[in-house]
Amino acid sequence: MDFLDALILGILQGITEFLPVSSSGHLVLGQKLLGINVPGNAFEVILHIGTLMSILVVFWPDIHRLLSDIKDYNTRTYIFTLVLGTTPAIIVGLSLKDQIALMFDNTHSVALALIVTGIILISSKWFLNKKSDLTLVKGFGIGLAQALAIIPGISRSGATICTGLMMGLSAEEAARFSFLLAIPAIAGAGILTAMDIDKISLGMDVMAVGLLSSFLVGWAALKWLLNLLKTGKFHWFGVYCLLLGIIAAWI
């Protein structure tokens, strides 16, 4: 892998991490098309750390407010809901770690997962414009969707936001909870993977290019998605995922 490959994959990660089209699925297909063979998913974790930085920057006001108002009962309840919602991903990630790693090298399983993502996104069209409150049960349900999205090809943002919409949350609240929920999930996945890496075959300069490009592009993509959610056109990403999954099945 050279600088250009890392830049392309970083840009691809930055765009697709937040748009509900599955960043992991696009990275698998992108490496396939570029003829890149990087064993394991260490580089994918580097790119995810870049987009994690994007979330921290964009949602810093929310994070700061949660930390500042920690003594408030509603704030503590919200934080506990985030912790509860993170639990399913931890259980699935630890128990199925090896099986999930193998899926990153299987384009056909990614294609099927993209089709599933497409169906989930298209169905969200019928659950917009509701404004119920976030509860522990809803937070846990969104956490289950996040655990499902560990499978490459299932969009994390798509699955979690759609689940929030289906449970009656507003688009704004569903997105806010989804991306705050992503912080411990992405960080945990990075730590877990780093513990298993004995040697990284990529140079620090190549990884830095991937990290920086995924961060900058991810920042712009996240801001754009948050504005797009207000227009009610979220489900159109489902059409894209459905078509991509069908095409990918023939690669």
Protein backbone atom coordinates (compact mmCIF):
# COMPACT_ATOMS: atom_id res chain seq x y z
CA MET A 1 0.00 0.00 0.00
CA ASP A 2 1.38 3.43 -0.95
CA PHE A 3 0.42 7.02 -0.10
CA LEU A 4 -2.21 7.26 -2.84
CA ASP A 5 -3.89 4.04 -1.72
CA ALA A 6 -3.95 5.25 1.87
CA LEU A 7 -5.36 8.62 0.78
CA ILE A 8 -8.10 7.03 -1.31
CA LEU A 9 -9.10 4.64 1.47
CA GLY A 10 -8.96 7.46 4.05
CA ILE A 11 -11.28 9.60 1.95
CA LEU A 12 -13.55 6.60 1.38
CA GLN A 13 -13.65 5.92 5.12
CA GLY A 14 -14.32 9.57 5.96
CA ILE A 15 -17.26 9.74 3.58
CA THR A 16 -18.81 6.37 4.35
CA GLU A 17 -18.32 6.21 8.14
CA PHE A 18 -21.04 8.76 8.73
CA LEU A 19 -23.15 8.42 5.63
CA PRO A 20 -25.30 5.32 6.24
CA VAL A 21 -23.65 3.18 3.57
CA SER A 22 -21.22 1.03 5.66
CA SER A 23 -17.62 2.22 5.82
CA SER A 24 -16.30 -1.29 6.50
CA GLY A 25 -18.11 -2.66 3.47
CA HIS A 26 -16.74 0.09 1.24
CA LEU A 27 -13.21 -0.46 2.58
CA VAL A 28 -13.38 -4.17 1.78
CA LEU A 29 -14.64 -3.45 -1.74
CA GLY A 30 -12.21 -0.53 -2.16
CA GLN A 31 -9.20 -2.69 -1.31
CA LYS A 32 -10.51 -5.35 -3.69
CA LEU A 33 -10.77 -2.87 -6.58
CA LEU A 34 -7.37 -1.30 -5.81
CA GLY A 35 -5.74 -4.71 -5.61
CA ILE A 36 -4.61 -4.12 -2.03
CA ASN A 37 -4.12 -7.09 0.27
CA VAL A 38 -3.53 -5.99 3.85
CA PRO A 39 -3.98 -8.97 6.20
CA GLY A 40 -6.37 -8.43 9.11
CA ASN A 41 -8.12 -5.16 9.82
CA ALA A 42 -5.39 -3.03 11.45
CA PHE A 43 -5.56 -0.34 8.74
CA GLU A 44 -9.36 -0.22 9.02
CA VAL A 45 -8.95 0.50 12.74
CA ILE A 46 -6.53 3.35 11.98
CA LEU A 47 -9.11 4.87 9.63
CA HIS A 48 -11.86 4.43 12.21
CA ILE A 49 -9.75 6.28 14.76
CA GLY A 50 -9.58 9.18 12.29
CA THR A 51 -13.35 9.32 12.04
CA LEU A 52 -13.62 8.92 15.82
CA MET A 53 -11.67 12.17 16.06
CA SER A 54 -14.27 13.73 13.75
CA ILE A 55 -17.08 12.75 16.14
CA LEU A 56 -15.19 14.19 19.11
CA VAL A 57 -14.76 17.52 17.31
CA VAL A 58 -18.33 17.84 15.98
CA PHE A 59 -20.04 16.66 19.17
CA TRP A 60 -17.65 18.28 21.63
CA PRO A 61 -20.36 20.74 22.85
CA ASP A 62 -22.59 17.75 23.75
CA ILE A 63 -19.71 15.87 25.36
CA HIS A 64 -18.68 18.94 27.34
CA ARG A 65 -22.27 19.48 28.50
CA LEU A 66 -22.57 15.87 29.69
CA LEU A 67 -19.31 16.13 31.62
CA SER A 68 -20.17 19.53 33.08
CA ASP A 69 -23.66 18.53 34.22
CA ILE A 70 -22.68 15.13 35.61
CA LYS A 71 -24.44 15.92 38.91
CA ASP A 72 -27.77 16.39 37.13
CA TYR A 73 -30.07 13.34 37.30
CA ASN A 74 -31.12 13.53 33.64
CA THR A 75 -27.50 13.78 32.55
CA ARG A 76 -26.49 10.76 34.61
CA THR A 77 -29.44 8.82 33.15
CA TYR A 78 -28.35 9.74 29.62
CA ILE A 79 -24.77 8.63 30.33
CA PHE A 80 -26.04 5.36 31.80
CA THR A 81 -28.14 4.83 28.68
CA LEU A 82 -24.99 5.25 26.57
CA VAL A 83 -23.18 2.70 28.75
CA LEU A 84 -26.10 0.28 28.48
CA GLY A 85 -26.25 0.78 24.73
CA THR A 86 -22.54 0.01 24.41
CA THR A 87 -22.84 -3.35 26.18
CA PRO A 88 -24.15 -5.45 23.23
CA ALA A 89 -21.28 -4.37 20.97
CA ILE A 90 -18.75 -5.30 23.67
CA ILE A 91 -20.25 -8.76 24.11
CA VAL A 92 -20.49 -9.44 20.37
CA GLY A 93 -17.07 -7.95 19.65
CA LEU A 94 -15.32 -10.07 22.27
CA SER A 95 -17.17 -13.32 21.63
CA LEU A 96 -17.13 -13.25 17.81
CA LYS A 97 -13.89 -11.35 17.21
CA ASP A 98 -12.19 -14.00 15.07
CA GLN A 99 -15.26 -14.77 12.96
CA ILE A 100 -15.86 -11.07 12.27
CA ALA A 101 -12.22 -10.56 11.23
CA LEU A 102 -12.64 -13.24 8.56
CA MET A 103 -15.65 -11.40 7.10
CA PHE A 104 -13.41 -8.49 6.11
CA ASP A 105 -11.86 -10.73 3.46
CA ASN A 106 -15.17 -12.03 2.09
CA THR A 107 -16.71 -9.71 -0.51
CA HIS A 108 -19.81 -11.86 -0.91
CA SER A 109 -20.77 -11.62 2.76
CA VAL A 110 -20.18 -7.86 2.52
CA ALA A 111 -22.47 -7.71 -0.53
CA LEU A 112 -25.26 -9.48 1.37
CA ALA A 113 -24.81 -7.18 4.37
CA LEU A 114 -25.02 -4.11 2.10
CA ILE A 115 -28.32 -5.38 0.73
CA VAL A 116 -29.61 -5.79 4.30
CA THR A 117 -28.44 -2.24 5.08
CA GLY A 118 -30.29 -0.97 2.02
CA ILE A 119 -33.54 -2.58 3.15
CA ILE A 120 -33.16 -1.15 6.66
CA LEU A 121 -32.52 2.37 5.35
CA ILE A 122 -35.40 2.33 2.88
CA SER A 123 -37.77 1.24 5.65
CA SER A 124 -36.84 4.32 7.71
CA LYS A 125 -38.95 6.44 5.33
CA TRP A 126 -42.06 5.43 7.24
CA PHE A 127 -40.74 6.33 10.70
CA LEU A 128 -39.78 9.99 10.36
CA ASN A 129 -41.21 13.02 12.16
CA LYS A 130 -41.77 11.35 15.53
CA LYS A 131 -40.47 12.94 18.72
CA SER A 132 -40.70 10.58 21.69
CA ASP A 133 -38.14 10.66 24.50
CA LEU A 134 -35.06 8.48 24.76
CA THR A 135 -35.40 5.73 27.40
CA LEU A 136 -33.18 2.96 28.71
CA VAL A 137 -35.08 0.40 26.64
CA LYS A 138 -34.70 2.45 23.46
CA GLY A 139 -31.02 3.03 24.19
CA PHE A 140 -30.46 -0.69 24.62
CA GLY A 141 -32.36 -1.39 21.38
CA ILE A 142 -30.12 1.04 19.51
CA GLY A 143 -27.14 -0.69 21.15
CA LEU A 144 -28.30 -4.03 19.73
CA ALA A 145 -28.37 -2.44 16.28
CA GLN A 146 -24.83 -1.19 16.81
CA ALA A 147 -23.73 -4.72 17.74
CA LEU A 148 -25.24 -6.01 14.48
CA ALA A 149 -23.27 -3.37 12.59
CA ILE A 150 -19.98 -4.99 13.63
CA ILE A 151 -20.57 -7.15 10.56
CA PRO A 152 -18.78 -5.46 7.60
CA GLY A 153 -21.40 -4.21 5.19
CA ILE A 154 -23.95 -3.31 7.87
CA SER A 155 -23.84 0.45 8.35
CA ARG A 156 -23.36 1.40 12.00
CA SER A 157 -24.84 4.87 11.60
CA GLY A 158 -27.61 3.55 9.35
CA ALA A 159 -28.60 0.73 11.71
CA THR A 160 -28.50 2.83 14.88
CA ILE A 161 -30.20 5.93 13.48
CA CYS A 162 -32.91 3.86 11.78
CA THR A 163 -33.54 1.94 15.00
CA GLY A 164 -33.86 5.24 16.85
CA LEU A 165 -36.34 6.51 14.25
CA MET A 166 -38.34 3.28 14.43
CA MET A 167 -38.53 3.69 18.22
CA GLY A 168 -39.99 7.16 17.80
CA LEU A 169 -36.98 9.41 18.33
CA SER A 170 -36.60 12.55 16.26
CA ALA A 171 -33.98 12.44 13.52
CA GLU A 172 -31.82 14.90 15.48
CA GLU A 173 -31.93 12.90 18.73
CA ALA A 174 -31.45 9.57 16.95
CA ALA A 175 -28.32 10.92 15.23
CA ARG A 176 -26.98 12.51 18.42
CA PHE A 177 -27.33 9.31 20.43
CA SER A 178 -25.99 7.22 17.56
CA PHE A 179 -22.76 9.15 17.22
CA LEU A 180 -22.18 9.57 20.95
CA LEU A 181 -22.68 5.79 21.18
CA ALA A 182 -20.02 5.35 18.51
CA ILE A 183 -17.29 6.91 20.67
CA PRO A 184 -16.79 4.01 23.13
CA ALA A 185 -17.54 1.43 20.40
CA ILE A 186 -14.88 2.69 17.98
CA ALA A 187 -12.36 3.35 20.75
CA GLY A 188 -12.92 -0.11 22.22
CA ALA A 189 -12.55 -1.81 18.84
CA GLY A 190 -9.29 0.05 18.27
CA ILE A 191 -7.87 -0.99 21.65
CA LEU A 192 -8.99 -4.59 21.20
CA THR A 193 -7.41 -4.86 17.77
CA ALA A 194 -4.20 -3.13 18.87
CA MET A 195 -3.75 -5.72 21.63
CA ASP A 196 -3.74 -8.51 19.04
CA ILE A 197 -1.27 -6.90 16.63
CA ASP A 198 2.29 -8.20 16.92
CA LYS A 199 3.61 -6.41 13.86
CA ILE A 200 2.11 -3.82 11.51
CA SER A 201 3.23 -4.22 7.93
CA LEU A 202 2.44 -0.59 7.05
CA GLY A 203 4.73 2.39 7.59
CA MET A 204 3.83 5.15 10.02
CA ASP A 205 3.75 7.68 7.16
CA VAL A 206 1.17 5.66 5.21
CA MET A 207 -0.97 5.22 8.32
CA ALA A 208 -0.70 8.96 9.06
CA VAL A 209 -2.04 9.78 5.59
CA GLY A 210 -4.99 7.45 6.15
CA LEU A 211 -5.65 8.82 9.62
CA LEU A 212 -5.55 12.49 8.60
CA SER A 213 -7.62 12.08 5.43
CA SER A 214 -10.31 10.05 7.22
CA PHE A 215 -10.47 12.67 9.99
CA LEU A 216 -10.82 15.71 7.71
CA VAL A 217 -13.23 14.13 5.24
CA GLY A 218 -15.18 12.52 8.08
CA TRP A 219 -15.59 15.90 9.78
CA ALA A 220 -17.11 17.40 6.62
CA ALA A 221 -19.29 14.34 5.93
CA LEU A 222 -20.69 14.26 9.46
CA LYS A 223 -21.67 17.93 9.36
CA TRP A 224 -23.35 17.38 5.99
CA LEU A 225 -25.26 14.31 7.19
CA LEU A 226 -26.62 16.09 10.26
CA ASN A 227 -28.03 18.80 7.99
CA LEU A 228 -29.37 16.22 5.52
CA LEU A 229 -31.30 14.38 8.24
CA LYS A 230 -33.48 17.45 8.66
CA THR A 231 -34.68 17.14 5.06
CA GLY A 232 -36.13 13.63 5.48
CA LYS A 233 -34.10 12.14 2.61
CA PHE A 234 -32.20 9.64 4.72
CA HIS A 235 -33.84 6.63 3.05
CA TRP A 236 -32.29 7.39 -0.34
CA PHE A 237 -29.00 5.98 0.92
CA GLY A 238 -30.83 2.66 1.12
CA VAL A 239 -31.32 2.60 -2.63
CA TYR A 240 -27.58 3.16 -3.09
CA CYS A 241 -26.65 0.35 -0.65
CA LEU A 242 -29.13 -2.03 -2.26
CA LEU A 243 -27.71 -1.42 -5.73
CA LEU A 244 -24.10 -1.57 -4.51
CA GLY A 245 -24.76 -4.83 -2.71
CA ILE A 246 -26.23 -6.39 -5.87
CA ILE A 247 -23.26 -5.20 -7.96
CA ALA A 248 -20.73 -6.33 -5.31
CA ALA A 249 -22.23 -9.82 -5.33
CA TRP A 250 -20.93 -10.18 -8.90
CA ILE A 251 -17.37 -8.98 -8.21
